[in-house]
PDB file of all heavy atoms in Angstrom:
ATOM      1  N   ILE A   1      -7.471   5.029  13.882  1.00  0.00           N
ATOM      2  CA  ILE A   1      -8.814   4.998  13.125  1.00  0.00           C
ATOM      3  C   ILE A   1      -8.768   6.260  12.102  1.00  0.00           C
ATOM      4  O   ILE A   1      -9.124   6.063  11.021  1.00  0.00           O
ATOM      5  CB  ILE A   1     -10.033   5.015  14.041  1.00  0.00           C
ATOM      6  CG1 ILE A   1     -10.134   3.697  14.796  1.00  0.00           C
ATOM      7  CG2 ILE A   1     -11.298   5.281  13.264  1.00  0.00           C
ATOM      8  CD1 ILE A   1     -11.171   3.548  15.871  1.00  0.00           C
ATOM      9  N   TYR A   2      -8.489   7.438  12.718  1.00  0.00           N
ATOM     10  CA  TYR A   2      -8.567   8.654  11.795  1.00  0.00           C
ATOM     11  C   TYR A   2      -7.566   8.445  10.710  1.00  0.00           C
ATOM     12  O   TYR A   2      -8.033   8.855   9.487  1.00  0.00           O
ATOM     13  CB  TYR A   2      -8.181   9.885  12.754  1.00  0.00           C
ATOM     14  CG  TYR A   2      -8.053  11.183  11.929  1.00  0.00           C
ATOM     15  CD1 TYR A   2      -9.345  11.743  11.680  1.00  0.00           C
ATOM     16  CD2 TYR A   2      -6.948  11.697  11.555  1.00  0.00           C
ATOM     17  CE1 TYR A   2      -9.359  12.939  11.089  1.00  0.00           C
ATOM     18  CE2 TYR A   2      -7.009  12.904  10.800  1.00  0.00           C
ATOM     19  CZ  TYR A   2      -8.175  13.580  10.531  1.00  0.00           C
ATOM     20  OH  TYR A   2      -8.123  14.734   9.924  1.00  0.00           O
ATOM     21  N   LEU A   3      -6.395   8.026  10.862  1.00  0.00           N
ATOM     22  CA  LEU A   3      -5.446   7.896   9.834  1.00  0.00           C
ATOM     23  C   LEU A   3      -5.819   6.915   8.790  1.00  0.00           C
ATOM     24  O   LEU A   3      -5.410   6.952   7.528  1.00  0.00           O
ATOM     25  CB  LEU A   3      -4.069   7.643  10.383  1.00  0.00           C
ATOM     26  CG  LEU A   3      -3.367   8.726  11.130  1.00  0.00           C
ATOM     27  CD1 LEU A   3      -2.029   8.328  11.619  1.00  0.00           C
ATOM     28  CD2 LEU A   3      -3.299  10.031  10.403  1.00  0.00           C
ATOM     29  N   ASN A   4      -6.691   5.950   9.161  1.00  0.00           N
ATOM     30  CA  ASN A   4      -7.097   4.896   8.235  1.00  0.00           C
ATOM     31  C   ASN A   4      -8.392   5.110   7.566  1.00  0.00           C
ATOM     32  O   ASN A   4      -8.741   4.338   6.664  1.00  0.00           O
ATOM     33  CB  ASN A   4      -7.166   3.548   8.995  1.00  0.00           C
ATOM     34  CG  ASN A   4      -5.750   2.835   9.102  1.00  0.00           C
ATOM     35  OD1 ASN A   4      -5.324   2.262   8.078  1.00  0.00           O
ATOM     36  ND2 ASN A   4      -5.116   3.003  10.239  1.00  0.00           N
ATOM     37  N   ILE A   5      -9.183   6.094   8.015  1.00  0.00           N
ATOM     38  CA  ILE A   5     -10.515   6.328   7.310  1.00  0.00           C
ATOM     39  C   ILE A   5     -10.577   7.662   6.755  1.00  0.00           C
ATOM     40  O   ILE A   5     -11.530   7.967   5.892  1.00  0.00           O
ATOM     41  CB  ILE A   5     -11.681   6.120   8.278  1.00  0.00           C
ATOM     42  CG1 ILE A   5     -11.673   7.225   9.487  1.00  0.00           C
ATOM     43  CG2 ILE A   5     -11.716   4.678   8.819  1.00  0.00           C
ATOM     44  CD1 ILE A   5     -12.898   7.168  10.363  1.00  0.00           C
ATOM     45  N   ALA A   6      -9.610   8.533   6.928  1.00  0.00           N
ATOM     46  CA  ALA A   6      -9.635   9.885   6.353  1.00  0.00           C
ATOM     47  C   ALA A   6      -9.560   9.768   4.747  1.00  0.00           C
ATOM     48  O   ALA A   6      -8.811   8.895   4.284  1.00  0.00           O
ATOM     49  CB  ALA A   6      -8.499  10.695   6.782  1.00  0.00           C
ATOM     50  N   ALA A   7     -10.257  10.641   4.091  1.00  0.00           N
ATOM     51  CA  ALA A   7     -10.163  10.623   2.642  1.00  0.00           C
ATOM     52  C   ALA A   7      -8.814  11.340   2.223  1.00  0.00           C
ATOM     53  O   ALA A   7      -8.567  12.423   2.614  1.00  0.00           O
ATOM     54  CB  ALA A   7     -11.381  11.430   2.035  1.00  0.00           C
ATOM     55  N   TRP A   8      -7.979  10.650   1.376  1.00  0.00           N
ATOM     56  CA  TRP A   8      -6.646  11.131   1.077  1.00  0.00           C
ATOM     57  C   TRP A   8      -6.310  11.122  -0.328  1.00  0.00           C
ATOM     58  O   TRP A   8      -5.226  11.001  -0.765  1.00  0.00           O
ATOM     59  CB  TRP A   8      -5.636  10.422   1.844  1.00  0.00           C
ATOM     60  CG  TRP A   8      -4.993  11.206   2.827  1.00  0.00           C
ATOM     61  CD1 TRP A   8      -4.432  12.499   2.623  1.00  0.00           C
ATOM     62  CD2 TRP A   8      -4.671  10.959   4.314  1.00  0.00           C
ATOM     63  NE1 TRP A   8      -3.884  12.964   3.891  1.00  0.00           N
ATOM     64  CE2 TRP A   8      -4.028  12.104   4.890  1.00  0.00           C
ATOM     65  CE3 TRP A   8      -4.944   9.869   5.067  1.00  0.00           C
ATOM     66  CZ2 TRP A   8      -3.687  12.144   6.210  1.00  0.00           C
ATOM     67  CZ3 TRP A   8      -4.528   9.892   6.368  1.00  0.00           C
ATOM     68  CH2 TRP A   8      -3.964  10.979   6.999  1.00  0.00           C
ATOM     69  N   GLY A   9      -7.464  11.075  -1.229  1.00  0.00           N
ATOM     70  CA  GLY A   9      -7.178  11.235  -2.628  1.00  0.00           C
ATOM     71  C   GLY A   9      -8.587  11.568  -3.329  1.00  0.00           C
ATOM     72  O   GLY A   9      -9.620  11.574  -2.768  1.00  0.00           O
ATOM     73  N   PRO A  10      -8.423  11.916  -4.660  1.00  0.00           N
ATOM     74  CA  PRO A  10      -9.602  12.500  -5.343  1.00  0.00           C
ATOM     75  C   PRO A  10     -10.494  11.362  -5.847  1.00  0.00           C
ATOM     76  O   PRO A  10     -11.572  11.684  -6.298  1.00  0.00           O
ATOM     77  CB  PRO A  10      -8.979  13.208  -6.541  1.00  0.00           C
ATOM     78  CG  PRO A  10      -7.683  12.445  -6.775  1.00  0.00           C
ATOM     79  CD  PRO A  10      -7.230  11.960  -5.458  1.00  0.00           C
ATOM     80  N   ALA A  11     -10.119  10.133  -5.779  1.00  0.00           N
ATOM     81  CA  ALA A  11     -10.916   9.068  -6.429  1.00  0.00           C
ATOM     82  C   ALA A  11     -11.113   7.847  -5.435  1.00  0.00           C
ATOM     83  O   ALA A  11     -10.934   6.675  -5.906  1.00  0.00           O
ATOM     84  CB  ALA A  11     -10.227   8.530  -7.723  1.00  0.00           C
ATOM     85  N   GLY A  12     -11.501   8.130  -4.305  1.00  0.00           N
ATOM     86  CA  GLY A  12     -11.755   7.087  -3.328  1.00  0.00           C
ATOM     87  C   GLY A  12     -10.627   6.509  -2.555  1.00  0.00           C
ATOM     88  O   GLY A  12     -10.697   5.350  -2.095  1.00  0.00           O
ATOM     89  N   GLU A  13      -9.525   7.263  -2.511  1.00  0.00           N
ATOM     90  CA  GLU A  13      -8.395   6.797  -1.699  1.00  0.00           C
ATOM     91  C   GLU A  13      -8.607   7.128  -0.172  1.00  0.00           C
ATOM     92  O   GLU A  13      -8.712   8.228   0.100  1.00  0.00           O
ATOM     93  CB  GLU A  13      -7.058   7.377  -2.217  1.00  0.00           C
ATOM     94  CG  GLU A  13      -6.596   6.916  -3.570  1.00  0.00           C
ATOM     95  CD  GLU A  13      -7.287   7.757  -4.632  1.00  0.00           C
ATOM     96  OE1 GLU A  13      -7.927   8.711  -4.506  1.00  0.00           O
ATOM     97  OE2 GLU A  13      -7.138   7.361  -5.893  1.00  0.00           O
ATOM     98  N   PHE A  14      -8.812   6.129   0.595  1.00  0.00           N
ATOM     99  CA  PHE A  14      -9.082   6.298   1.951  1.00  0.00           C
ATOM    100  C   PHE A  14      -7.891   5.808   2.870  1.00  0.00           C
ATOM    101  O   PHE A  14      -7.329   4.621   2.535  1.00  0.00           O
ATOM    102  CB  PHE A  14     -10.273   5.729   2.468  1.00  0.00           C
ATOM    103  CG  PHE A  14     -11.635   6.360   1.980  1.00  0.00           C
ATOM    104  CD1 PHE A  14     -12.073   6.065   0.654  1.00  0.00           C
ATOM    105  CD2 PHE A  14     -12.198   7.303   2.649  1.00  0.00           C
ATOM    106  CE1 PHE A  14     -13.224   6.751   0.235  1.00  0.00           C
ATOM    107  CE2 PHE A  14     -13.326   8.009   2.228  1.00  0.00           C
ATOM    108  CZ  PHE A  14     -13.869   7.642   0.953  1.00  0.00           C
ATOM    109  N   GLY A  15      -7.507   6.450   3.922  1.00  0.00           N
ATOM    110  CA  GLY A  15      -6.401   5.994   4.646  1.00  0.00           C
ATOM    111  C   GLY A  15      -5.135   6.285   4.391  1.00  0.00           C
ATOM    112  O   GLY A  15      -4.743   6.682   3.142  1.00  0.00           O
ATOM    113  N   ALA A  16      -4.099   6.402   5.268  1.00  0.00           N
ATOM    114  CA  ALA A  16      -2.779   6.798   5.024  1.00  0.00           C
ATOM    115  C   ALA A  16      -2.098   5.941   3.961  1.00  0.00           C
ATOM    116  O   ALA A  16      -1.269   6.409   3.236  1.00  0.00           O
ATOM    117  CB  ALA A  16      -1.948   6.836   6.393  1.00  0.00           C
ATOM    118  N   GLN A  17      -2.313   4.612   4.073  1.00  0.00           N
ATOM    119  CA  GLN A  17      -1.581   3.881   3.092  1.00  0.00           C
ATOM    120  C   GLN A  17      -1.944   4.004   1.671  1.00  0.00           C
ATOM    121  O   GLN A  17      -1.010   4.214   0.830  1.00  0.00           O
ATOM    122  CB  GLN A  17      -1.810   2.294   3.419  1.00  0.00           C
ATOM    123  CG  GLN A  17      -0.978   1.264   2.631  1.00  0.00           C
ATOM    124  CD  GLN A  17       0.410   1.180   3.230  1.00  0.00           C
ATOM    125  OE1 GLN A  17       0.886   2.073   3.902  1.00  0.00           O
ATOM    126  NE2 GLN A  17       1.057   0.097   2.795  1.00  0.00           N
ATOM    127  N   ALA A  18      -3.145   4.141   1.393  1.00  0.00           N
ATOM    128  CA  ALA A  18      -3.702   4.321   0.051  1.00  0.00           C
ATOM    129  C   ALA A  18      -3.270   5.856  -0.417  1.00  0.00           C
ATOM    130  O   ALA A  18      -2.862   6.102  -1.479  1.00  0.00           O
ATOM    131  CB  ALA A  18      -5.267   4.219  -0.080  1.00  0.00           C
ATOM    132  N   GLY A  19      -3.378   6.853   0.554  1.00  0.00           N
ATOM    133  CA  GLY A  19      -3.036   8.165   0.250  1.00  0.00           C
ATOM    134  C   GLY A  19      -1.485   8.291  -0.134  1.00  0.00           C
ATOM    135  O   GLY A  19      -1.105   9.002  -1.074  1.00  0.00           O
ATOM    136  N   ALA A  20      -0.669   7.643   0.656  1.00  0.00           N
ATOM    137  CA  ALA A  20       0.746   7.651   0.505  1.00  0.00           C
ATOM    138  C   ALA A  20       1.091   6.934  -0.858  1.00  0.00           C
ATOM    139  O   ALA A  20       2.015   7.549  -1.534  1.00  0.00           O
ATOM    140  CB  ALA A  20       1.564   6.996   1.632  1.00  0.00           C
ATOM    141  N   ARG A  21       0.475   5.874  -1.254  1.00  0.00           N
ATOM    142  CA  ARG A  21       0.882   5.209  -2.405  1.00  0.00           C
ATOM    143  C   ARG A  21       0.334   5.978  -3.645  1.00  0.00           C
ATOM    144  O   ARG A  21       1.024   6.129  -4.617  1.00  0.00           O
ATOM    145  CB  ARG A  21       0.151   3.901  -2.376  1.00  0.00           C
ATOM    146  CG  ARG A  21       0.757   2.862  -1.423  1.00  0.00           C
ATOM    147  CD  ARG A  21       0.706   1.392  -1.886  1.00  0.00           C
ATOM    148  NE  ARG A  21       1.309   0.531  -0.872  1.00  0.00           N
ATOM    149  CZ  ARG A  21       2.634   0.202  -0.860  1.00  0.00           C
ATOM    150  NH1 ARG A  21       3.418   0.888  -1.739  1.00  0.00           N
ATOM    151  NH2 ARG A  21       3.146  -0.465   0.043  1.00  0.00           N
ATOM    152  N   TYR A  22      -0.763   6.666  -3.533  1.00  0.00           N
ATOM    153  CA  TYR A  22      -1.363   7.576  -4.536  1.00  0.00           C
ATOM    154  C   TYR A  22      -0.427   8.714  -4.853  1.00  0.00           C
ATOM    155  O   TYR A  22      -0.132   9.145  -5.954  1.00  0.00           O
ATOM    156  CB  TYR A  22      -2.724   8.048  -4.278  1.00  0.00           C
ATOM    157  CG  TYR A  22      -3.291   9.052  -5.274  1.00  0.00           C
ATOM    158  CD1 TYR A  22      -3.654   8.639  -6.491  1.00  0.00           C
ATOM    159  CD2 TYR A  22      -3.208  10.343  -4.931  1.00  0.00           C
ATOM    160  CE1 TYR A  22      -4.117   9.676  -7.569  1.00  0.00           C
ATOM    161  CE2 TYR A  22      -3.598  11.312  -5.827  1.00  0.00           C
ATOM    162  CZ  TYR A  22      -4.141  10.937  -7.138  1.00  0.00           C
ATOM    163  OH  TYR A  22      -4.510  11.816  -7.991  1.00  0.00           O
ATOM    164  N   ALA A  23      -0.017   9.357  -3.679  1.00  0.00           N
ATOM    165  CA  ALA A  23       0.698  10.713  -3.834  1.00  0.00           C
ATOM    166  C   ALA A  23       2.184  10.458  -4.122  1.00  0.00           C
ATOM    167  O   ALA A  23       2.632  11.235  -4.893  1.00  0.00           O
ATOM    168  CB  ALA A  23       0.592  11.467  -2.535  1.00  0.00           C
ATOM    169  N   PHE A  24       2.695   9.445  -3.407  1.00  0.00           N
ATOM    170  CA  PHE A  24       4.212   9.357  -3.550  1.00  0.00           C
ATOM    171  C   PHE A  24       4.754   7.958  -3.935  1.00  0.00           C
ATOM    172  O   PHE A  24       5.942   7.710  -4.111  1.00  0.00           O
ATOM    173  CB  PHE A  24       4.805   9.696  -2.201  1.00  0.00           C
ATOM    174  CG  PHE A  24       4.374  10.903  -1.611  1.00  0.00           C
ATOM    175  CD1 PHE A  24       3.588  10.924  -0.409  1.00  0.00           C
ATOM    176  CD2 PHE A  24       4.630  12.147  -2.180  1.00  0.00           C
ATOM    177  CE1 PHE A  24       3.117  12.300   0.090  1.00  0.00           C
ATOM    178  CE2 PHE A  24       4.260  13.366  -1.648  1.00  0.00           C
ATOM    179  CZ  PHE A  24       3.519  13.451  -0.546  1.00  0.00           C
ATOM    180  N   GLY A  25       3.796   7.040  -4.223  1.00  0.00           N
ATOM    181  CA  GLY A  25       4.188   5.673  -4.644  1.00  0.00           C
ATOM    182  C   GLY A  25       4.994   4.871  -3.594  1.00  0.00           C
ATOM    183  O   GLY A  25       5.892   4.048  -3.966  1.00  0.00           O
ATOM    184  N   LYS A  26       4.602   5.204  -2.349  1.00  0.00           N
ATOM    185  CA  LYS A  26       5.429   4.504  -1.196  1.00  0.00           C
ATOM    186  C   LYS A  26       4.492   4.139  -0.186  1.00  0.00           C
ATOM    187  O   LYS A  26       3.379   4.629  -0.170  1.00  0.00           O
ATOM    188  CB  LYS A  26       6.557   5.295  -0.699  1.00  0.00           C
ATOM    189  CG  LYS A  26       6.087   6.746  -0.047  1.00  0.00           C
ATOM    190  CD  LYS A  26       7.232   7.344   0.560  1.00  0.00           C
ATOM    191  CE  LYS A  26       8.445   7.766  -0.257  1.00  0.00           C
ATOM    192  NZ  LYS A  26       9.475   8.591   0.393  1.00  0.00           N
TER     193      LYS A  26
END
């Protein structure tokens, strides 16, 4: 749950998947 709801980007990216795609494109 933590990895999927944590804020991981500056424009509403939540969760590891959105954060990884935003930061590294993967």
